[in-house]
């Protein structure tokens, strides 16, 4: 009888031990998953939901997309890339726009066309939503080194580099136009990643053309 009791006790302890091992196994797996997700979201990908129509029709309001954080670790942004970045006037906000002007370039906006470094031929922009009619003339931007000039694809409804200097003045971030001018550009270290594809409401690869 005593041996039978000891056997039962041993079985009970074994079951408890197995349960503890299983719980530890699940906890370990949960911690690993959380760690992997953290590493992916902090260092590899950026997953965003687009709140406005400033990039239509390339990216629609409420679309969800994935960007790669490592895209510019070894390469520089190229004209036409769609980038995710900290909004220069309020770095807590993440914006998405298309790269138009590269470091050191002069970008002129004349009659709804963009001219780079005094070129006689305007930039080809097949991605624009519609004919550009709003705030489409009389702008010149000299892009500082280490910075980029960006615009939305929906030029008639996009708060982009054309306006940020004035917004900085209005919000007291700068006291003179000269102080406000740097807000027109996105610094390289403000870029969070390159938009690669959208997966909702439909899937599409986001190219730079």
C-alpha atoms as a PDB file:
ATOM      1  CA  UNK A   1       0.000   0.000   0.000  1.00  0.00           C
ATOM      2  CA  UNK A   2       2.853   2.308   0.887  1.00  0.00           C
ATOM      3  CA  UNK A   3       4.610   1.554  -2.424  1.00  0.00           C
ATOM      4  CA  UNK A   4       1.396   2.226  -4.350  1.00  0.00           C
ATOM      5  CA  UNK A   5       1.043   5.588  -2.573  1.00  0.00           C
ATOM      6  CA  UNK A   6       4.629   6.465  -3.382  1.00  0.00           C
ATOM      7  CA  UNK A   7       4.047   5.515  -7.027  1.00  0.00           C
ATOM      8  CA  UNK A   8       0.974   7.753  -7.193  1.00  0.00           C
ATOM      9  CA  UNK A   9       2.879  10.614  -5.579  1.00  0.00           C
ATOM     10  CA  UNK A  10       5.691  10.168  -8.081  1.00  0.00           C
ATOM     11  CA  UNK A  11       3.241  10.233 -10.967  1.00  0.00           C
ATOM     12  CA  UNK A  12       1.637  13.387  -9.567  1.00  0.00           C
ATOM     13  CA  UNK A  13       5.038  15.083  -9.253  1.00  0.00           C
ATOM     14  CA  UNK A  14       5.933  14.009 -12.783  1.00  0.00           C
ATOM     15  CA  UNK A  15       2.697  15.519 -14.099  1.00  0.00           C
ATOM     16  CA  UNK A  16       3.373  18.750 -12.229  1.00  0.00           C
ATOM     17  CA  UNK A  17       6.898  18.788 -13.612  1.00  0.00           C
ATOM     18  CA  UNK A  18       5.608  18.242 -17.153  1.00  0.00           C
ATOM     19  CA  UNK A  19       3.099  21.064 -16.708  1.00  0.00           C
ATOM     20  CA  UNK A  20       5.827  23.386 -15.432  1.00  0.00           C
ATOM     21  CA  UNK A  21       8.012  22.512 -18.418  1.00  0.00           C
ATOM     22  CA  UNK A  22       5.128  23.149 -20.803  1.00  0.00           C
ATOM     23  CA  UNK A  23       4.359  26.530 -19.190  1.00  0.00           C
ATOM     24  CA  UNK A  24       8.038  27.498 -19.329  1.00  0.00           C
ATOM     25  CA  UNK A  25       8.143  26.407 -22.977  1.00  0.00           C
ATOM     26  CA  UNK A  26       5.126  28.572 -23.834  1.00  0.00           C
ATOM     27  CA  UNK A  27       6.524  31.559 -21.931  1.00  0.00           C
ATOM     28  CA  UNK A  28       9.887  31.178 -23.694  1.00  0.00           C
ATOM     29  CA  UNK A  29       8.185  31.000 -27.095  1.00  0.00           C
ATOM     30  CA  UNK A  30       6.058  34.048 -26.257  1.00  0.00           C
ATOM     31  CA  UNK A  31       9.149  36.041 -25.219  1.00  0.00           C
ATOM     32  CA  UNK A  32      10.962  35.030 -28.418  1.00  0.00           C
ATOM     33  CA  UNK A  33       8.000  36.082 -30.577  1.00  0.00           C
ATOM     34  CA  UNK A  34       7.776  39.450 -28.797  1.00  0.00           C
ATOM     35  CA  UNK A  35      11.525  39.957 -29.213  1.00  0.00           C
ATOM     36  CA  UNK A  36      11.384  39.110 -32.932  1.00  0.00           C
ATOM     37  CA  UNK A  37       8.431  41.451 -33.488  1.00  0.00           C
ATOM     38  CA  UNK A  38      10.236  44.220 -31.597  1.00  0.00           C
ATOM     39  CA  UNK A  39      13.405  43.807 -33.670  1.00  0.00           C
ATOM     40  CA  UNK A  40      11.418  43.700 -36.924  1.00  0.00           C
ATOM     41  CA  UNK A  41       9.362  46.809 -36.169  1.00  0.00           C
ATOM     42  CA  UNK A  42      12.243  48.800 -34.690  1.00  0.00           C
ATOM     43  CA  UNK A  43      15.013  47.939 -37.118  1.00  0.00           C
ATOM     44  CA  UNK A  44      13.627  46.193 -40.216  1.00  0.00           C
ATOM     45  CA  UNK A  45      10.133  47.261 -41.225  1.00  0.00           C
ATOM     46  CA  UNK A  46       7.734  50.109 -40.633  1.00  0.00           C
ATOM     47  CA  UNK A  47       4.022  49.395 -40.874  1.00  0.00           C
ATOM     48  CA  UNK A  48       1.757  52.438 -41.312  1.00  0.00           C
ATOM     49  CA  UNK A  49      -1.808  53.382 -42.069  1.00  0.00           C
ATOM     50  CA  UNK A  50      -2.094  56.393 -44.380  1.00  0.00           C
ATOM     51  CA  UNK A  51      -4.449  59.018 -42.875  1.00  0.00           C
ATOM     52  CA  UNK A  52      -4.804  61.443 -45.790  1.00  0.00           C
ATOM     53  CA  UNK A  53      -5.114  61.679 -49.553  1.00  0.00           C
ATOM     54  CA  UNK A  54      -1.911  63.614 -50.207  1.00  0.00           C
ATOM     55  CA  UNK A  55      -0.378  60.685 -52.138  1.00  0.00           C
ATOM     56  CA  UNK A  56      -3.430  59.732 -54.208  1.00  0.00           C
ATOM     57  CA  UNK A  57      -3.782  57.950 -56.512  1.00  0.00           C
ATOM     58  CA  UNK A  58      -0.540  56.117 -55.754  1.00  0.00           C
ATOM     59  CA  UNK A  59      -1.545  55.568 -52.143  1.00  0.00           C
ATOM     60  CA  UNK A  60      -5.140  56.053 -51.063  1.00  0.00           C
ATOM     61  CA  UNK A  61      -6.542  57.272 -47.754  1.00  0.00           C
ATOM     62  CA  UNK A  62      -6.610  54.436 -45.178  1.00  0.00           C
ATOM     63  CA  UNK A  63      -4.252  52.260 -47.220  1.00  0.00           C
ATOM     64  CA  UNK A  64      -1.823  50.207 -45.158  1.00  0.00           C
ATOM     65  CA  UNK A  65       1.742  49.826 -46.298  1.00  0.00           C
ATOM     66  CA  UNK A  66       5.116  48.384 -45.393  1.00  0.00           C
ATOM     67  CA  UNK A  67       8.399  50.252 -45.557  1.00  0.00           C
ATOM     68  CA  UNK A  68      11.943  48.999 -45.052  1.00  0.00           C
ATOM     69  CA  UNK A  69      13.960  50.857 -42.415  1.00  0.00           C
ATOM     70  CA  UNK A  70      17.266  49.546 -43.756  1.00  0.00           C
ATOM     71  CA  UNK A  71      16.772  50.784 -47.339  1.00  0.00           C
ATOM     72  CA  UNK A  72      19.097  53.746 -46.839  1.00  0.00           C
ATOM     73  CA  UNK A  73      21.675  52.237 -44.508  1.00  0.00           C
ATOM     74  CA  UNK A  74      24.070  51.813 -47.420  1.00  0.00           C
ATOM     75  CA  UNK A  75      22.321  53.663 -50.274  1.00  0.00           C
ATOM     76  CA  UNK A  76      21.054  57.195 -50.714  1.00  0.00           C
ATOM     77  CA  UNK A  77      17.418  58.063 -51.501  1.00  0.00           C
ATOM     78  CA  UNK A  78      16.759  58.471 -55.201  1.00  0.00           C
ATOM     79  CA  UNK A  79      14.447  60.848 -57.001  1.00  0.00           C
ATOM     80  CA  UNK A  80      11.020  59.275 -57.157  1.00  0.00           C
ATOM     81  CA  UNK A  81      11.402  57.169 -54.008  1.00  0.00           C
ATOM     82  CA  UNK A  82       8.415  57.233 -51.679  1.00  0.00           C
ATOM     83  CA  UNK A  83       9.733  57.759 -48.164  1.00  0.00           C
ATOM     84  CA  UNK A  84       8.430  57.708 -44.599  1.00  0.00           C
ATOM     85  CA  UNK A  85       9.953  60.391 -42.406  1.00  0.00           C
ATOM     86  CA  UNK A  86       9.557  62.555 -39.335  1.00  0.00           C
ATOM     87  CA  UNK A  87       7.638  65.694 -40.270  1.00  0.00           C
ATOM     88  CA  UNK A  88      10.211  68.524 -39.935  1.00  0.00           C
ATOM     89  CA  UNK A  89       7.811  70.893 -38.145  1.00  0.00           C
ATOM     90  CA  UNK A  90       6.656  68.238 -35.670  1.00  0.00           C
ATOM     91  CA  UNK A  91       8.925  65.192 -35.513  1.00  0.00           C
ATOM     92  CA  UNK A  92       6.343  63.213 -33.516  1.00  0.00           C
ATOM     93  CA  UNK A  93       4.361  62.838 -36.736  1.00  0.00           C
ATOM     94  CA  UNK A  94       5.277  60.457 -39.563  1.00  0.00           C
ATOM     95  CA  UNK A  95       4.681  61.722 -43.096  1.00  0.00           C
ATOM     96  CA  UNK A  96       4.886  59.975 -46.454  1.00  0.00           C
ATOM     97  CA  UNK A  97       5.874  61.822 -49.641  1.00  0.00           C
ATOM     98  CA  UNK A  98       7.875  61.380 -52.835  1.00  0.00           C
ATOM     99  CA  UNK A  99      11.490  62.523 -53.191  1.00  0.00           C
ATOM    100  CA  UNK A 100      11.763  65.290 -55.811  1.00  0.00           C
ATOM    101  CA  UNK A 101      14.943  67.228 -55.034  1.00  0.00           C
ATOM    102  CA  UNK A 102      18.272  65.657 -54.083  1.00  0.00           C
ATOM    103  CA  UNK A 103      21.051  67.197 -51.966  1.00  0.00           C
ATOM    104  CA  UNK A 104      22.651  70.218 -53.638  1.00  0.00           C
ATOM    105  CA  UNK A 105      20.019  70.549 -56.361  1.00  0.00           C
ATOM    106  CA  UNK A 106      17.905  73.565 -57.222  1.00  0.00           C
ATOM    107  CA  UNK A 107      14.229  72.757 -57.685  1.00  0.00           C
ATOM    108  CA  UNK A 108      12.045  75.243 -59.556  1.00  0.00           C
ATOM    109  CA  UNK A 109       8.266  75.004 -59.753  1.00  0.00           C
ATOM    110  CA  UNK A 110       6.869  76.876 -62.750  1.00  0.00           C
ATOM    111  CA  UNK A 111       3.376  76.628 -64.169  1.00  0.00           C
ATOM    112  CA  UNK A 112       2.718  73.176 -62.772  1.00  0.00           C
ATOM    113  CA  UNK A 113       6.068  71.752 -63.871  1.00  0.00           C
ATOM    114  CA  UNK A 114       9.281  70.953 -61.999  1.00  0.00           C
ATOM    115  CA  UNK A 115      12.716  71.869 -63.317  1.00  0.00           C
ATOM    116  CA  UNK A 116      15.924  70.537 -61.773  1.00  0.00           C
ATOM    117  CA  UNK A 117      19.109  72.645 -61.843  1.00  0.00           C
ATOM    118  CA  UNK A 118      17.845  74.941 -64.602  1.00  0.00           C
ATOM    119  CA  UNK A 119      16.966  72.142 -67.010  1.00  0.00           C
ATOM    120  CA  UNK A 120      14.980  73.182 -70.076  1.00  0.00           C
ATOM    121  CA  UNK A 121      12.959  69.968 -69.820  1.00  0.00           C
ATOM    122  CA  UNK A 122      10.548  69.468 -66.908  1.00  0.00           C
ATOM    123  CA  UNK A 123      10.585  66.400 -64.715  1.00  0.00           C
ATOM    124  CA  UNK A 124       8.380  63.592 -66.015  1.00  0.00           C
ATOM    125  CA  UNK A 125       5.727  62.844 -63.418  1.00  0.00           C
ATOM    126  CA  UNK A 126       3.284  60.248 -64.676  1.00  0.00           C
ATOM    127  CA  UNK A 127       2.248  59.468 -61.110  1.00  0.00           C
ATOM    128  CA  UNK A 128       0.375  62.754 -60.506  1.00  0.00           C
ATOM    129  CA  UNK A 129      -3.291  62.329 -59.689  1.00  0.00           C
ATOM    130  CA  UNK A 130      -4.487  65.153 -61.916  1.00  0.00           C
ATOM    131  CA  UNK A 131      -3.437  68.398 -63.564  1.00  0.00           C
ATOM    132  CA  UNK A 132      -1.507  70.418 -60.987  1.00  0.00           C
ATOM    133  CA  UNK A 133      -3.258  73.765 -60.581  1.00  0.00           C
ATOM    134  CA  UNK A 134      -2.892  74.770 -56.896  1.00  0.00           C
ATOM    135  CA  UNK A 135       0.300  76.507 -55.677  1.00  0.00           C
ATOM    136  CA  UNK A 136       2.025  75.413 -58.861  1.00  0.00           C
ATOM    137  CA  UNK A 137       4.194  78.396 -59.767  1.00  0.00           C
ATOM    138  CA  UNK A 138       6.852  80.754 -58.410  1.00  0.00           C
ATOM    139  CA  UNK A 139       8.747  78.419 -56.068  1.00  0.00           C
ATOM    140  CA  UNK A 140      12.502  77.858 -55.968  1.00  0.00           C
ATOM    141  CA  UNK A 141      14.153  75.534 -53.479  1.00  0.00           C
ATOM    142  CA  UNK A 142      17.892  75.102 -53.076  1.00  0.00           C
ATOM    143  CA  UNK A 143      18.210  71.757 -51.355  1.00  0.00           C
ATOM    144  CA  UNK A 144      20.923  71.719 -48.653  1.00  0.00           C
ATOM    145  CA  UNK A 145      23.474  68.922 -48.505  1.00  0.00           C
ATOM    146  CA  UNK A 146      22.208  65.959 -46.517  1.00  0.00           C
ATOM    147  CA  UNK A 147      18.581  66.950 -47.195  1.00  0.00           C
ATOM    148  CA  UNK A 148      15.766  66.133 -49.618  1.00  0.00           C
ATOM    149  CA  UNK A 149      12.851  68.090 -51.052  1.00  0.00           C
ATOM    150  CA  UNK A 150       9.605  66.118 -51.123  1.00  0.00           C
ATOM    151  CA  UNK A 151       6.113  66.568 -52.531  1.00  0.00           C
ATOM    152  CA  UNK A 152       2.875  64.605 -52.488  1.00  0.00           C
ATOM    153  CA  UNK A 153       1.517  63.009 -55.657  1.00  0.00           C
ATOM    154  CA  UNK A 154      -1.802  64.771 -55.098  1.00  0.00           C
ATOM    155  CA  UNK A 155      -0.328  68.259 -55.537  1.00  0.00           C
ATOM    156  CA  UNK A 156      -3.693  70.015 -55.317  1.00  0.00           C
ATOM    157  CA  UNK A 157      -4.250  68.594 -51.837  1.00  0.00           C
ATOM    158  CA  UNK A 158      -0.889  67.960 -50.185  1.00  0.00           C
ATOM    159  CA  UNK A 159       0.796  69.686 -47.248  1.00  0.00           C
ATOM    160  CA  UNK A 160       4.379  69.200 -48.372  1.00  0.00           C
ATOM    161  CA  UNK A 161       7.720  70.969 -48.730  1.00  0.00           C
ATOM    162  CA  UNK A 162       6.100  73.948 -50.438  1.00  0.00           C
ATOM    163  CA  UNK A 163       4.460  75.021 -47.176  1.00  0.00           C
ATOM    164  CA  UNK A 164       6.478  73.798 -44.216  1.00  0.00           C
ATOM    165  CA  UNK A 165       8.591  76.932 -43.822  1.00  0.00           C
ATOM    166  CA  UNK A 166       5.476  79.084 -43.539  1.00  0.00           C
ATOM    167  CA  UNK A 167       3.903  76.617 -41.124  1.00  0.00           C
ATOM    168  CA  UNK A 168       7.065  76.768 -38.990  1.00  0.00           C
ATOM    169  CA  UNK A 169       6.730  80.561 -38.902  1.00  0.00           C
ATOM    170  CA  UNK A 170       3.030  80.393 -38.051  1.00  0.00           C
ATOM    171  CA  UNK A 171       3.683  77.943 -35.212  1.00  0.00           C
ATOM    172  CA  UNK A 172       6.570  79.927 -33.766  1.00  0.00           C
ATOM    173  CA  UNK A 173       9.214  77.346 -34.619  1.00  0.00           C
ATOM    174  CA  UNK A 174      11.099  80.091 -36.481  1.00  0.00           C
ATOM    175  CA  UNK A 175      11.010  83.879 -36.223  1.00  0.00           C
ATOM    176  CA  UNK A 176      12.275  84.835 -39.692  1.00  0.00           C
ATOM    177  CA  UNK A 177      11.955  83.367 -43.203  1.00  0.00           C
ATOM    178  CA  UNK A 178      15.675  82.579 -43.084  1.00  0.00           C
ATOM    179  CA  UNK A 179      15.244  80.565 -39.882  1.00  0.00           C
ATOM    180  CA  UNK A 180      12.188  78.837 -41.325  1.00  0.00           C
ATOM    181  CA  UNK A 181      13.749  77.856 -44.656  1.00  0.00           C
ATOM    182  CA  UNK A 182      15.425  74.617 -43.384  1.00  0.00           C
ATOM    183  CA  UNK A 183      11.979  73.278 -42.427  1.00  0.00           C
ATOM    184  CA  UNK A 184      11.246  72.927 -46.167  1.00  0.00           C
ATOM    185  CA  UNK A 185      13.492  69.873 -46.363  1.00  0.00           C
ATOM    186  CA  UNK A 186      13.753  66.383 -44.941  1.00  0.00           C
ATOM    187  CA  UNK A 187      17.116  65.565 -43.397  1.00  0.00           C
ATOM    188  CA  UNK A 188      18.629  62.148 -44.131  1.00  0.00           C
ATOM    189  CA  UNK A 189      18.506  61.195 -40.446  1.00  0.00           C
ATOM    190  CA  UNK A 190      14.781  62.052 -40.323  1.00  0.00           C
ATOM    191  CA  UNK A 191      13.962  59.369 -42.916  1.00  0.00           C
ATOM    192  CA  UNK A 192      12.424  56.304 -41.263  1.00  0.00           C
ATOM    193  CA  UNK A 193      12.344  54.099 -44.332  1.00  0.00           C
ATOM    194  CA  UNK A 194      11.404  53.570 -47.949  1.00  0.00           C
ATOM    195  CA  UNK A 195       7.823  52.562 -48.762  1.00  0.00           C
ATOM    196  CA  UNK A 196       7.962  49.198 -50.553  1.00  0.00           C
ATOM    197  CA  UNK A 197       4.403  47.930 -50.981  1.00  0.00           C
ATOM    198  CA  UNK A 198       0.857  48.463 -49.819  1.00  0.00           C
ATOM    199  CA  UNK A 199      -1.209  45.474 -48.708  1.00  0.00           C
ATOM    200  CA  UNK A 200      -4.588  47.064 -47.965  1.00  0.00           C
ATOM    201  CA  UNK A 201      -7.043  47.891 -49.444  1.00  0.00           C
ATOM    202  CA  UNK A 202      -5.258  46.186 -52.315  1.00  0.00           C
ATOM    203  CA  UNK A 203      -1.739  44.933 -52.887  1.00  0.00           C
ATOM    204  CA  UNK A 204       0.648  47.004 -54.994  1.00  0.00           C
ATOM    205  CA  UNK A 205       4.400  47.439 -55.264  1.00  0.00           C
ATOM    206  CA  UNK A 206       5.402  51.083 -54.757  1.00  0.00           C
ATOM    207  CA  UNK A 207       7.977  51.941 -57.397  1.00  0.00           C
ATOM    208  CA  UNK A 208       9.833  55.204 -57.952  1.00  0.00           C
ATOM    209  CA  UNK A 209       8.278  55.732 -61.393  1.00  0.00           C
END
